[in-house]
Amino acid sequence: MGFSDYKSTFKGDLTGGLTAAIIALPMGLAFGLQSGLGAEAGMYTAIILAIIASIVAGTKTLISDPTGPMTIVAATIVHSAISLPNNNSLDDALPIIIATFALAGIFQIVFGLINISKYVKYISYPVLSGFMGGIGVIIILFQWHNFFGEKTPKGIINIISHLPDPVIHHHWSSIILGGTTLLLIYLIPLISKKLPAGLIALISATVVSLFMDETSFLVIGKIPSDLPSLKLEFLSTLKISDLSMITISALTLAGLGTIDTLLTSVVADNITKTKHNGNRELIGQGIGNFVSALFGGLPGAGSTTGTVANINSNGRSNLSGILKGLFLIIILLGFSNYVRVIPIPVLSALLISVGIGIIDFKGIKRLIKLRNSDTFVLLVVITITIFADLLIAVGVGMVISSFFFMQKMGEIVNQRSKKGNLIDLEKKLKLPETLQNRIFDFELEGPLFYGFSDQFKSQAEKIVDKDAVIINMSNVPYIDASGIYVLEEIITNFKAKSIDVIVVGINDHIFKQFQELELIPSILPEENAYNSVRAGVKYLKYKFEKKNN
């Protein structure tokens, strides 16, 4: 975009960036606190990642921030690093944490360079719905105890087993502050959706806390009032033994950040009627996460909430994301003393509302009603997400979805494929009666792939007492290696029974595959392969007439 373009969109970008900054402030603080690195870590990400990703700008209106999914994984990494035998504190674990977050950024850059964005569209809806639902539940569970003024137990099993405890102990100050925050978050949009409900709730509940006993609830505490400094000293303290943990965790973050960001980019496209550059966006996110990590920030991704708010406030270019980061710098430098008095239960309430918003209630309800393979995939992904690992949940969900899809496609191909005598072809091509019942017509419908290969082979083995078989591939758009090898085996078996095989309706792409894998001419002579059904049948007619004469 040239200067004139930015000039024409500046007013909308200014309001969009300001709105996104207002939304990012409480969320950044809350996610930073949840990660275990402190509220300031979320602010650093909301500034650095937003500015860098917006400069690269694979999606013009995308707003980048710490997000629920990324924070959940980041918090797990922080906890795991602190729990290592030689680490006694966060400072001891910081080298591993920073290295992991930075490497995740590098992986994202690589993902962008190898064009991995095109594969995200193959993630099925039940997987995405289950994934987001599981993340929403995790966020709510991890904030449950803080909301009621108690310390969160370690581990998801412990949290679930102790869910009633904070309700029983009921710290009224925390309940009032958290309840007030939640009430305002859901009431304010009923008055006006243009009002920043999260920020108003944060400020209002914090003001209420000033009139309470300050010892009855926890607050954020002091956060830095200046810009972060580079933390490069971690490089000298890393150990080779840490590399495995760092690499696996970084890949998890990078994969999750890729999914999180590209889904948000699709949302932005749908609203603005534009087309994002997924690879460019991943490179920008990767650079942003890498730099953010070196300054002590969290890994982040494209934020759906911030992006939609930016667009609805007339943000139209990447300048809005840059301005959003600049607004947060001003807040960090000028208002950090006010931020330190924000109560923890207030931030927990904000995060609980985020968790509720992430859960795809409508989609989950519909999928459960179906009571089919999609329902099974949904429940598996939700369970694995909550009790095991987010990225494993997506991987397992994709594998199961693919299995059910292939099974269904195999059944459809089997049902649609027609087999029998040449009655229809006789009418079209006026074949002589001498060919009746001597030729078996096998019309394949749909892709010939490994999901249908066994059925195809089983059906072919039942064909006996025929002089020839026509395999009609006119409606086969694709064949994979499994399909080709099964076809080779079938042709070989027919030859052993002295049955001629003619393959007709072969498109150019499939014909080339046959040649590359030497199905033609080593197994099927080229004169037995035709792209025209009529030509193949005429060849058979000629061959039979010649044989009879």
Protein backbone atom coordinates (compact mmCIF):
# COMPACT_ATOMS: atom_id res chain seq x y z
CA MET A 1 0.00 0.00 0.00
CA GLY A 2 1.20 3.48 -0.84
CA PHE A 3 1.01 6.62 1.30
CA SER A 4 -2.20 7.72 -0.39
CA ASP A 5 -3.84 4.42 0.51
CA TYR A 6 -2.92 4.76 4.18
CA LYS A 7 -4.14 8.36 4.12
CA SER A 8 -7.55 7.26 2.94
CA THR A 9 -7.85 4.57 5.64
CA PHE A 10 -6.06 6.39 8.49
CA LYS A 11 -9.17 7.53 10.37
CA GLY A 12 -10.67 4.03 10.39
CA ASP A 13 -7.29 2.46 11.24
CA LEU A 14 -6.91 4.87 14.15
CA THR A 15 -10.28 3.95 15.69
CA GLY A 16 -9.74 0.27 14.88
CA GLY A 17 -6.30 0.26 16.51
CA LEU A 18 -7.57 2.09 19.59
CA THR A 19 -10.51 -0.32 19.98
CA ALA A 20 -8.21 -3.33 19.59
CA ALA A 21 -5.82 -1.87 22.20
CA ILE A 22 -8.67 -1.36 24.68
CA ILE A 23 -9.69 -4.99 24.25
CA ALA A 24 -6.09 -6.25 24.37
CA LEU A 25 -5.20 -4.50 27.64
CA PRO A 26 -7.24 -6.62 30.07
CA MET A 27 -6.78 -9.78 28.00
CA GLY A 28 -3.02 -9.31 27.76
CA LEU A 29 -2.74 -8.81 31.51
CA ALA A 30 -4.96 -11.81 32.24
CA PHE A 31 -3.22 -14.19 29.85
CA GLY A 32 0.20 -13.04 31.06
CA LEU A 33 -0.80 -13.81 34.62
CA GLN A 34 -2.24 -17.21 33.66
CA SER A 35 0.95 -18.19 31.85
CA GLY A 36 3.00 -17.91 35.02
CA LEU A 37 5.35 -15.29 33.57
CA GLY A 38 3.51 -12.29 34.99
CA ALA A 39 0.97 -9.82 33.63
CA GLU A 40 3.67 -7.80 31.84
CA ALA A 41 4.56 -10.78 29.62
CA GLY A 42 1.11 -10.61 28.04
CA MET A 43 1.50 -6.86 27.49
CA TYR A 44 4.87 -7.32 25.78
CA THR A 45 3.33 -9.83 23.37
CA ALA A 46 0.32 -7.63 22.67
CA ILE A 47 2.76 -4.86 21.68
CA ILE A 48 5.66 -6.60 19.92
CA LEU A 49 3.75 -9.35 18.08
CA ALA A 50 1.01 -6.95 16.99
CA ILE A 51 3.44 -4.44 15.49
CA ILE A 52 5.74 -6.93 13.73
CA ALA A 53 2.96 -9.17 12.37
CA SER A 54 1.11 -6.07 11.11
CA ILE A 55 4.23 -4.78 9.34
CA VAL A 56 4.61 -8.08 7.45
CA ALA A 57 0.81 -8.17 7.05
CA GLY A 58 -0.33 -11.38 5.43
CA THR A 59 -3.82 -10.39 6.56
CA LYS A 60 -4.33 -6.63 6.44
CA THR A 61 -6.87 -6.33 9.25
CA LEU A 62 -5.55 -9.07 11.56
CA ILE A 63 -4.86 -8.15 15.19
CA SER A 64 -2.32 -10.33 17.00
CA ASP A 65 -2.40 -10.90 20.75
CA PRO A 66 -1.86 -13.55 23.41
CA THR A 67 -4.72 -16.04 22.89
CA GLY A 68 -6.41 -18.66 25.02
CA PRO A 69 -5.03 -21.71 23.19
CA MET A 70 -1.48 -20.37 23.04
CA THR A 71 -1.53 -19.31 26.68
CA ILE A 72 -2.71 -22.74 27.84
CA VAL A 73 0.24 -24.42 26.10
CA ALA A 74 2.65 -21.69 27.23
CA ALA A 75 1.53 -22.14 30.85
CA THR A 76 2.13 -25.89 30.58
CA ILE A 77 5.64 -25.27 29.21
CA VAL A 78 6.42 -22.79 32.00
CA HIS A 79 5.21 -25.24 34.66
CA SER A 80 7.17 -28.13 33.11
CA ALA A 81 10.37 -26.07 32.92
CA ILE A 82 10.10 -24.98 36.55
CA SER A 83 9.48 -28.60 37.60
CA LEU A 84 12.75 -29.87 36.11
CA PRO A 85 15.17 -31.31 38.74
CA ASN A 86 17.79 -28.55 38.58
CA ASN A 87 15.29 -25.68 38.51
CA ASN A 88 14.05 -24.16 41.73
CA SER A 89 12.38 -21.01 40.44
CA LEU A 90 11.10 -19.18 37.37
CA ASP A 91 14.50 -17.53 36.89
CA ASP A 92 16.16 -20.95 36.68
CA ALA A 93 13.61 -22.13 34.11
CA LEU A 94 13.65 -18.93 32.03
CA PRO A 95 16.39 -20.09 29.56
CA ILE A 96 14.32 -23.13 28.51
CA ILE A 97 11.09 -21.09 28.37
CA ILE A 98 12.57 -18.31 26.21
CA ALA A 99 14.35 -20.79 23.93
CA THR A 100 11.10 -22.75 23.42
CA PHE A 101 9.04 -19.66 22.62
CA ALA A 102 11.74 -18.33 20.27
CA LEU A 103 12.12 -21.67 18.46
CA ALA A 104 8.33 -21.80 18.02
CA GLY A 105 8.60 -18.51 16.12
CA ILE A 106 11.34 -19.97 13.90
CA PHE A 107 9.18 -23.02 13.17
CA GLN A 108 6.31 -20.73 12.16
CA ILE A 109 8.61 -18.92 9.73
CA VAL A 110 9.57 -22.29 8.25
CA PHE A 111 5.88 -23.25 8.01
CA GLY A 112 5.27 -20.11 6.00
CA LEU A 113 8.21 -20.80 3.69
CA ILE A 114 7.08 -24.38 2.94
CA ASN A 115 3.47 -23.32 2.25
CA ILE A 116 1.90 -25.28 5.09
CA SER A 117 -1.07 -22.90 5.29
CA LYS A 118 -2.85 -24.70 2.44
CA TYR A 119 -3.30 -27.82 4.60
CA VAL A 120 -5.20 -26.15 7.45
CA LYS A 121 -8.40 -26.16 5.37
CA TYR A 122 -8.46 -29.96 5.61
CA ILE A 123 -9.15 -29.91 9.35
CA SER A 124 -12.75 -31.06 9.73
CA TYR A 125 -15.40 -29.08 11.59
CA PRO A 126 -15.87 -31.66 14.41
CA VAL A 127 -12.11 -31.46 15.09
CA LEU A 128 -12.15 -27.66 15.23
CA SER A 129 -15.31 -27.54 17.32
CA GLY A 130 -13.97 -30.13 19.77
CA PHE A 131 -10.59 -28.42 19.90
CA MET A 132 -12.07 -25.00 20.70
CA GLY A 133 -14.54 -26.52 23.15
CA GLY A 134 -11.75 -28.29 25.01
CA ILE A 135 -9.68 -25.11 25.19
CA GLY A 136 -12.66 -23.17 26.54
CA VAL A 137 -13.19 -25.76 29.28
CA ILE A 138 -9.48 -25.68 30.20
CA ILE A 139 -9.48 -21.88 30.53
CA ILE A 140 -12.56 -21.97 32.77
CA LEU A 141 -11.17 -24.77 34.95
CA PHE A 142 -7.80 -23.05 35.42
CA GLN A 143 -9.50 -19.82 36.53
CA TRP A 144 -12.15 -21.41 38.72
CA HIS A 145 -10.18 -21.33 41.97
CA ASN A 146 -8.74 -17.86 41.37
CA PHE A 147 -12.25 -16.54 40.70
CA PHE A 148 -13.27 -17.63 44.20
CA GLY A 149 -10.07 -16.33 45.79
CA GLU A 150 -8.10 -19.55 46.21
CA LYS A 151 -4.90 -20.93 44.75
CA THR A 152 -5.27 -23.16 41.69
CA PRO A 153 -4.15 -26.79 42.29
CA LYS A 154 -1.52 -28.23 39.94
CA GLY A 155 -2.77 -30.47 37.17
CA ILE A 156 -6.15 -30.76 35.50
CA ILE A 157 -7.13 -33.85 37.49
CA ASN A 158 -6.47 -32.07 40.80
CA ILE A 159 -8.42 -29.03 39.63
CA ILE A 160 -11.45 -31.14 38.71
CA SER A 161 -11.31 -33.21 41.90
CA HIS A 162 -11.23 -30.01 44.00
CA LEU A 163 -13.87 -27.98 42.10
CA PRO A 164 -16.26 -27.71 45.08
CA ASP A 165 -13.57 -26.49 47.51
CA PRO A 166 -13.51 -22.75 46.63
CA VAL A 167 -17.33 -22.63 46.61
CA ILE A 168 -17.44 -24.17 50.06
CA HIS A 169 -14.80 -21.78 51.44
CA HIS A 170 -16.49 -18.78 49.70
CA HIS A 171 -14.17 -15.77 49.98
CA TRP A 172 -16.81 -13.09 49.60
CA SER A 173 -14.51 -10.28 48.43
CA SER A 174 -13.29 -12.35 45.50
CA ILE A 175 -16.80 -13.57 44.63
CA ILE A 176 -18.16 -10.00 44.62
CA LEU A 177 -15.33 -8.72 42.42
CA GLY A 178 -15.44 -11.64 40.00
CA GLY A 179 -19.23 -11.68 39.89
CA THR A 180 -19.37 -7.92 39.23
CA THR A 181 -16.90 -8.34 36.37
CA LEU A 182 -18.87 -11.17 34.74
CA LEU A 183 -22.17 -9.35 35.20
CA LEU A 184 -20.87 -6.22 33.46
CA ILE A 185 -19.24 -8.22 30.64
CA TYR A 186 -22.61 -9.75 29.71
CA LEU A 187 -24.87 -6.77 30.53
CA ILE A 188 -22.97 -3.98 28.74
CA PRO A 189 -23.37 -5.47 25.22
CA LEU A 190 -27.15 -5.51 25.82
CA ILE A 191 -26.97 -1.73 26.21
CA SER A 192 -24.51 -1.10 23.36
CA LYS A 193 -22.21 -3.46 21.51
CA LYS A 194 -19.93 -0.54 20.70
CA LEU A 195 -18.90 -0.13 24.35
CA PRO A 196 -15.70 -2.01 25.40
CA ALA A 197 -17.36 -4.32 27.91
CA GLY A 198 -14.11 -5.97 29.03
CA LEU A 199 -12.35 -2.69 29.81
CA ILE A 200 -15.39 -1.15 31.52
CA ALA A 201 -15.82 -4.28 33.65
CA LEU A 202 -12.10 -4.27 34.54
CA ILE A 203 -12.10 -0.61 35.60
CA SER A 204 -15.44 -0.79 37.45
CA ALA A 205 -14.55 -3.89 39.45
CA THR A 206 -11.12 -2.45 40.28
CA VAL A 207 -12.76 0.74 41.58
CA VAL A 208 -15.09 -1.39 43.72
CA SER A 209 -12.04 -3.20 45.15
CA LEU A 210 -10.60 0.09 46.42
CA PHE A 211 -13.41 0.21 48.98
CA MET A 212 -12.67 -3.30 50.26
CA ASP A 213 -10.12 -4.71 52.64
CA GLU A 214 -7.04 -5.00 50.40
CA THR A 215 -5.84 -8.06 52.31
CA SER A 216 -8.95 -10.07 51.42
CA PHE A 217 -7.98 -10.64 47.77
CA LEU A 218 -4.87 -10.79 45.60
CA VAL A 219 -3.85 -8.11 43.09
CA ILE A 220 -1.53 -8.12 40.08
CA GLY A 221 1.17 -6.22 41.92
CA LYS A 222 3.96 -4.15 40.46
CA ILE A 223 4.72 -4.46 36.77
CA PRO A 224 7.54 -2.74 34.85
CA SER A 225 6.80 0.82 33.78
CA ASP A 226 9.32 0.84 30.95
CA LEU A 227 9.94 -1.08 27.73
CA PRO A 228 11.32 -4.63 28.06
CA SER A 229 14.98 -5.40 27.49
CA LEU A 230 16.53 -8.23 25.48
CA LYS A 231 17.08 -11.43 27.45
CA LEU A 232 19.92 -12.98 25.47
CA GLU A 233 21.81 -14.27 28.48
CA PHE A 234 19.76 -17.49 28.34
CA LEU A 235 21.83 -18.69 25.38
CA SER A 236 24.87 -19.32 27.54
CA THR A 237 23.01 -21.49 30.08
CA LEU A 238 21.13 -23.86 27.77
CA LYS A 239 22.08 -27.55 27.83
CA ILE A 240 22.04 -30.15 25.07
CA SER A 241 19.83 -32.32 27.29
CA ASP A 242 17.13 -29.62 27.15
CA LEU A 243 16.97 -29.67 23.34
CA SER A 244 14.43 -32.49 23.06
CA MET A 245 11.93 -30.84 25.39
CA ILE A 246 12.44 -27.45 23.75
CA THR A 247 11.95 -28.79 20.22
CA ILE A 248 8.79 -30.81 20.94
CA SER A 249 7.18 -27.97 22.90
CA ALA A 250 8.14 -25.44 20.22
CA LEU A 251 6.57 -27.57 17.49
CA THR A 252 3.38 -27.81 19.54
CA LEU A 253 3.25 -24.03 19.93
CA ALA A 254 4.05 -23.41 16.28
CA GLY A 255 1.40 -25.84 15.08
CA LEU A 256 -1.21 -24.41 17.41
CA GLY A 257 -0.30 -20.82 16.53
CA THR A 258 -0.58 -21.68 12.83
CA ILE A 259 -4.10 -23.09 13.24
CA ASP A 260 -5.18 -20.27 15.57
CA THR A 261 -3.93 -17.53 13.26
CA LEU A 262 -5.12 -18.92 9.93
CA LEU A 263 -8.62 -19.54 11.27
CA THR A 264 -8.73 -15.89 12.37
CA SER A 265 -7.51 -14.84 8.92
CA VAL A 266 -10.43 -16.73 7.36
CA VAL A 267 -12.82 -14.86 9.68
CA ALA A 268 -11.27 -11.55 8.57
CA ASP A 269 -11.63 -12.56 4.90
CA ASN A 270 -15.31 -13.39 5.36
CA ILE A 271 -16.05 -10.00 6.91
CA THR A 272 -13.94 -7.80 4.63
CA LYS A 273 -14.44 -9.86 1.43
CA THR A 274 -10.68 -9.98 0.90
CA LYS A 275 -8.13 -12.79 0.53
CA HIS A 276 -5.28 -13.25 2.98
CA ASN A 277 -1.80 -14.54 2.21
CA GLY A 278 -1.46 -17.43 4.67
CA ASN A 279 2.25 -18.05 4.15
CA ARG A 280 3.13 -14.38 4.54
CA GLU A 281 0.99 -14.24 7.68
CA LEU A 282 2.81 -17.22 9.20
CA ILE A 283 6.17 -15.63 8.47
CA GLY A 284 5.03 -12.41 10.16
CA GLN A 285 3.67 -14.29 13.16
CA GLY A 286 6.89 -16.29 13.38
CA ILE A 287 9.12 -13.21 13.37
CA GLY A 288 6.83 -11.53 15.90
CA ASN A 289 6.82 -14.51 18.26
CA PHE A 290 10.59 -14.92 17.94
CA VAL A 291 11.29 -11.28 18.85
CA SER A 292 8.61 -11.26 21.54
CA ALA A 293 10.23 -14.30 23.20
CA LEU A 294 13.63 -12.56 23.29
CA PHE A 295 12.00 -9.71 25.23
CA GLY A 296 10.23 -12.02 27.71
CA GLY A 297 6.84 -12.14 26.01
CA LEU A 298 4.38 -14.98 25.50
CA PRO A 299 3.75 -16.72 22.20
CA GLY A 300 0.64 -15.32 20.56
CA ALA A 301 -1.47 -15.58 17.42
CA GLY A 302 -4.19 -13.86 15.47
CA SER A 303 -6.98 -12.86 17.86
CA THR A 304 -10.51 -13.27 16.55
CA THR A 305 -11.93 -10.87 19.15
CA GLY A 306 -9.41 -8.11 18.41
CA THR A 307 -9.62 -8.63 14.65
CA VAL A 308 -13.42 -8.44 14.51
CA ALA A 309 -13.42 -5.38 16.79
CA ASN A 310 -10.81 -3.71 14.56
CA ILE A 311 -12.84 -4.36 11.40
CA ASN A 312 -16.11 -3.26 13.00
CA SER A 313 -14.36 -0.02 14.04
CA ASN A 314 -13.44 0.60 10.37
CA GLY A 315 -9.85 -0.66 10.52
CA ARG A 316 -8.97 -1.45 6.91
CA SER A 317 -5.18 -1.72 6.64
CA ASN A 318 -2.21 -3.15 8.53
CA LEU A 319 -1.70 0.31 10.04
CA SER A 320 -4.47 -0.46 12.56
CA GLY A 321 -2.42 -3.32 14.07
CA ILE A 322 0.68 -1.11 14.28
CA LEU A 323 -1.30 1.68 15.97
CA LYS A 324 -2.77 -0.82 18.40
CA GLY A 325 0.75 -1.75 19.55
CA LEU A 326 1.73 1.92 19.88
CA PHE A 327 -1.35 2.67 22.02
CA LEU A 328 -0.36 -0.15 24.37
CA ILE A 329 3.18 1.24 24.64
CA ILE A 330 1.69 4.55 25.82
CA ILE A 331 -0.44 2.70 28.40
CA LEU A 332 2.55 0.66 29.60
CA LEU A 333 4.77 3.72 30.02
CA GLY A 334 2.16 6.05 31.50
CA PHE A 335 -0.35 3.96 33.44
CA SER A 336 1.48 0.90 34.82
CA ASN A 337 1.12 2.18 38.41
CA TYR A 338 -2.67 1.94 38.08
CA VAL A 339 -2.51 -1.54 36.56
CA ARG A 340 -0.84 -3.06 39.64
CA VAL A 341 -3.99 -2.67 41.81
CA ILE A 342 -6.20 -4.77 39.50
CA PRO A 343 -7.56 -7.73 41.52
CA ILE A 344 -6.78 -11.29 40.40
CA PRO A 345 -10.47 -12.40 40.64
CA VAL A 346 -11.34 -9.67 38.12
CA LEU A 347 -8.83 -11.00 35.60
CA SER A 348 -10.04 -14.55 36.28
CA ALA A 349 -13.60 -13.46 35.51
CA LEU A 350 -12.41 -11.93 32.24
CA LEU A 351 -10.72 -15.19 31.29
CA ILE A 352 -13.77 -17.26 32.25
CA SER A 353 -15.82 -15.12 29.85
CA VAL A 354 -13.20 -15.76 27.17
CA GLY A 355 -13.42 -19.51 27.84
CA ILE A 356 -17.21 -19.43 27.56
CA GLY A 357 -16.93 -17.44 24.32
CA ILE A 358 -14.48 -19.92 22.79
CA ILE A 359 -16.78 -22.93 23.29
CA ASP A 360 -18.79 -23.66 20.15
CA PHE A 361 -22.06 -24.41 21.97
CA LYS A 362 -24.22 -24.30 18.83
CA GLY A 363 -21.91 -26.58 16.83
CA ILE A 364 -21.38 -29.03 19.71
CA LYS A 365 -25.15 -29.30 20.27
CA ARG A 366 -25.74 -30.07 16.59
CA LEU A 367 -22.89 -32.59 16.36
CA ILE A 368 -24.06 -34.48 19.46
CA LYS A 369 -27.57 -34.71 18.00
CA LEU A 370 -26.18 -36.42 14.89
CA ARG A 371 -24.94 -39.42 16.92
CA ASN A 372 -22.61 -40.56 14.15
CA SER A 373 -18.87 -40.58 13.42
CA ASP A 374 -18.74 -36.77 13.69
CA THR A 375 -20.11 -37.01 17.24
CA PHE A 376 -17.43 -39.56 18.12
CA VAL A 377 -14.65 -37.36 16.69
CA LEU A 378 -15.96 -34.35 18.62
CA LEU A 379 -16.00 -36.18 21.97
CA VAL A 380 -12.55 -37.71 21.41
CA VAL A 381 -11.00 -34.34 20.56
CA ILE A 382 -12.61 -32.59 23.55
CA THR A 383 -11.41 -35.33 25.92
CA ILE A 384 -7.83 -35.41 24.61
CA THR A 385 -7.65 -31.61 24.58
CA ILE A 386 -8.67 -31.37 28.23
CA PHE A 387 -6.76 -34.32 29.67
CA ALA A 388 -3.74 -34.72 27.39
CA ASP A 389 -2.42 -32.36 24.73
CA LEU A 390 -3.98 -29.81 22.36
CA LEU A 391 -1.95 -30.64 19.27
CA ILE A 392 -2.26 -34.38 19.82
CA ALA A 393 -6.02 -33.86 20.03
CA VAL A 394 -6.03 -32.18 16.61
CA GLY A 395 -3.79 -34.90 15.14
CA VAL A 396 -5.87 -37.76 16.52
CA GLY A 397 -9.06 -36.02 15.45
CA MET A 398 -7.77 -35.58 11.89
CA VAL A 399 -6.70 -39.23 11.67
CA ILE A 400 -10.07 -40.50 12.93
CA SER A 401 -11.95 -38.07 10.65
CA SER A 402 -9.88 -39.21 7.68
CA PHE A 403 -10.56 -42.85 8.51
CA PHE A 404 -14.33 -42.32 8.64
CA PHE A 405 -14.21 -40.19 5.48
CA MET A 406 -12.30 -42.85 3.55
CA GLN A 407 -14.66 -45.53 4.80
CA LYS A 408 -17.68 -43.50 3.67
CA MET A 409 -16.12 -42.69 0.30
CA GLY A 410 -15.34 -46.39 -0.23
CA GLU A 411 -18.97 -47.27 0.46
CA ILE A 412 -20.21 -44.54 -1.90
CA VAL A 413 -17.89 -45.64 -4.71
CA ASN A 414 -18.98 -49.23 -4.16
CA GLN A 415 -22.68 -48.32 -4.29
CA ARG A 416 -22.36 -46.14 -7.38
CA SER A 417 -20.15 -48.47 -9.38
CA LYS A 418 -22.27 -50.42 -11.89
CA LYS A 419 -21.46 -53.92 -12.94
CA GLY A 420 -23.11 -56.44 -15.27
CA ASN A 421 -23.68 -57.21 -18.94
CA LEU A 422 -23.40 -54.75 -21.80
CA ILE A 423 -27.12 -54.00 -22.14
CA ASP A 424 -26.79 -50.19 -22.14
CA LEU A 425 -23.67 -50.23 -24.26
CA GLU A 426 -25.33 -52.54 -26.74
CA LYS A 427 -28.14 -50.06 -27.25
CA LYS A 428 -25.72 -47.15 -27.70
CA LEU A 429 -23.15 -48.90 -29.88
CA LYS A 430 -25.37 -51.47 -31.66
CA LEU A 431 -23.23 -54.43 -30.67
CA PRO A 432 -24.03 -57.77 -32.31
CA GLU A 433 -25.85 -60.46 -30.35
CA THR A 434 -22.74 -62.64 -30.52
CA LEU A 435 -21.17 -60.48 -27.80
CA GLN A 436 -24.10 -60.73 -25.42
CA ASN A 437 -23.24 -62.28 -22.03
CA ARG A 438 -19.61 -62.79 -23.12
CA ILE A 439 -18.34 -59.43 -21.85
CA PHE A 440 -18.61 -58.10 -18.28
CA ASP A 441 -19.03 -54.34 -17.94
CA PHE A 442 -17.56 -52.78 -14.76
CA GLU A 443 -18.27 -49.04 -14.48
CA LEU A 444 -16.34 -47.35 -11.67
CA GLU A 445 -17.81 -44.19 -10.13
CA GLY A 446 -15.61 -41.90 -8.03
CA PRO A 447 -11.96 -41.99 -6.90
CA LEU A 448 -10.19 -45.36 -6.94
CA PHE A 449 -8.21 -45.17 -3.70
CA TYR A 450 -7.17 -47.40 -0.83
CA GLY A 451 -10.57 -47.03 0.85
CA PHE A 452 -12.25 -48.81 -2.10
CA SER A 453 -9.41 -51.07 -3.24
CA ASP A 454 -10.44 -54.12 -1.20
CA GLN A 455 -14.06 -53.97 -2.38
CA PHE A 456 -12.92 -53.59 -6.00
CA LYS A 457 -10.64 -56.62 -5.69
CA SER A 458 -13.34 -58.71 -4.01
CA GLN A 459 -15.88 -57.88 -6.72
CA ALA A 460 -13.41 -58.65 -9.51
CA GLU A 461 -12.59 -62.07 -8.07
CA LYS A 462 -16.26 -63.10 -8.46
CA ILE A 463 -16.20 -62.57 -12.23
CA VAL A 464 -16.00 -65.95 -14.02
CA ASP A 465 -17.10 -67.53 -17.30
CA LYS A 466 -16.49 -64.35 -19.33
CA ASP A 467 -14.33 -63.82 -22.40
CA ALA A 468 -13.56 -60.19 -21.59
CA VAL A 469 -14.03 -57.49 -18.99
CA ILE A 470 -14.42 -53.79 -19.72
CA ILE A 471 -13.31 -51.59 -16.79
CA ASN A 472 -14.91 -48.22 -17.47
CA MET A 473 -13.04 -45.37 -15.71
CA SER A 474 -14.89 -42.48 -17.37
CA ASN A 475 -16.11 -41.26 -13.96
CA VAL A 476 -12.87 -41.86 -12.07
CA PRO A 477 -11.23 -38.45 -11.44
CA TYR A 478 -8.36 -39.79 -9.33
CA ILE A 479 -6.49 -43.00 -8.57
CA ASP A 480 -3.84 -43.43 -5.89
CA ALA A 481 -0.95 -45.91 -5.68
CA SER A 482 -3.09 -48.45 -3.79
CA GLY A 483 -5.71 -48.30 -6.52
CA ILE A 484 -3.12 -48.80 -9.26
CA TYR A 485 -1.55 -51.80 -7.54
CA VAL A 486 -4.95 -53.42 -6.98
CA LEU A 487 -5.83 -52.76 -10.63
CA GLU A 488 -2.55 -54.42 -11.62
CA GLU A 489 -3.37 -57.45 -9.47
CA ILE A 490 -6.89 -57.70 -10.92
CA ILE A 491 -5.66 -57.54 -14.52
CA THR A 492 -3.03 -60.22 -13.77
CA ASN A 493 -5.69 -62.49 -12.22
CA PHE A 494 -7.98 -62.01 -15.24
CA LYS A 495 -5.14 -62.96 -17.56
CA ALA A 496 -4.62 -66.12 -15.54
CA LYS A 497 -8.30 -66.97 -16.20
CA SER A 498 -7.80 -66.21 -19.93
CA ILE A 499 -10.09 -63.19 -19.67
CA ASP A 500 -9.18 -60.19 -21.82
CA VAL A 501 -9.21 -56.80 -20.06
CA ILE A 502 -9.99 -53.48 -21.76
CA VAL A 503 -9.70 -50.30 -19.67
CA VAL A 504 -11.66 -47.41 -21.15
CA GLY A 505 -12.41 -43.80 -20.23
CA ILE A 506 -8.86 -43.15 -18.94
CA ASN A 507 -8.09 -39.43 -18.56
CA ASP A 508 -4.65 -38.11 -19.45
CA HIS A 509 -3.51 -37.70 -15.85
CA ILE A 510 -4.35 -41.30 -14.92
CA PHE A 511 -2.83 -42.60 -18.17
CA LYS A 512 0.43 -40.86 -17.22
CA GLN A 513 0.31 -42.50 -13.78
CA PHE A 514 -0.15 -45.90 -15.41
CA GLN A 515 2.94 -45.30 -17.53
CA GLU A 516 5.06 -44.01 -14.63
CA LEU A 517 4.26 -47.10 -12.53
CA GLU A 518 4.66 -49.32 -15.63
CA LEU A 519 1.13 -50.69 -15.47
CA ILE A 520 1.22 -49.76 -19.15
CA PRO A 521 2.65 -51.57 -21.07
CA SER A 522 4.08 -54.29 -18.78
CA ILE A 523 0.71 -55.43 -17.37
CA LEU A 524 -1.83 -53.76 -19.65
CA PRO A 525 -0.88 -53.47 -23.35
CA GLU A 526 -1.34 -49.94 -24.66
CA GLU A 527 -3.83 -51.18 -27.31
CA ASN A 528 -6.05 -52.30 -24.39
CA ALA A 529 -6.24 -48.80 -22.86
CA TYR A 530 -8.57 -46.16 -24.32
CA ASN A 531 -9.82 -42.76 -23.29
CA SER A 532 -12.99 -43.43 -25.33
CA VAL A 533 -15.53 -46.09 -24.33
CA ARG A 534 -16.64 -46.46 -27.95
CA ALA A 535 -13.06 -47.05 -29.14
CA GLY A 536 -12.47 -49.76 -26.52
CA VAL A 537 -15.69 -51.60 -27.32
CA LYS A 538 -15.00 -51.43 -31.08
CA TYR A 539 -11.56 -52.95 -30.44
CA LEU A 540 -13.16 -55.83 -28.55
CA LYS A 541 -15.71 -56.30 -31.32
CA TYR A 542 -12.91 -56.42 -33.91
CA LYS A 543 -10.90 -58.85 -31.76
CA PHE A 544 -13.84 -61.25 -31.32
CA GLU A 545 -14.74 -61.14 -35.00
CA LYS A 546 -11.14 -61.86 -35.96
CA LYS A 547 -11.00 -64.72 -33.45
CA ASN A 548 -14.23 -66.26 -34.73
CA ASN A 549 -13.10 -66.03 -38.31
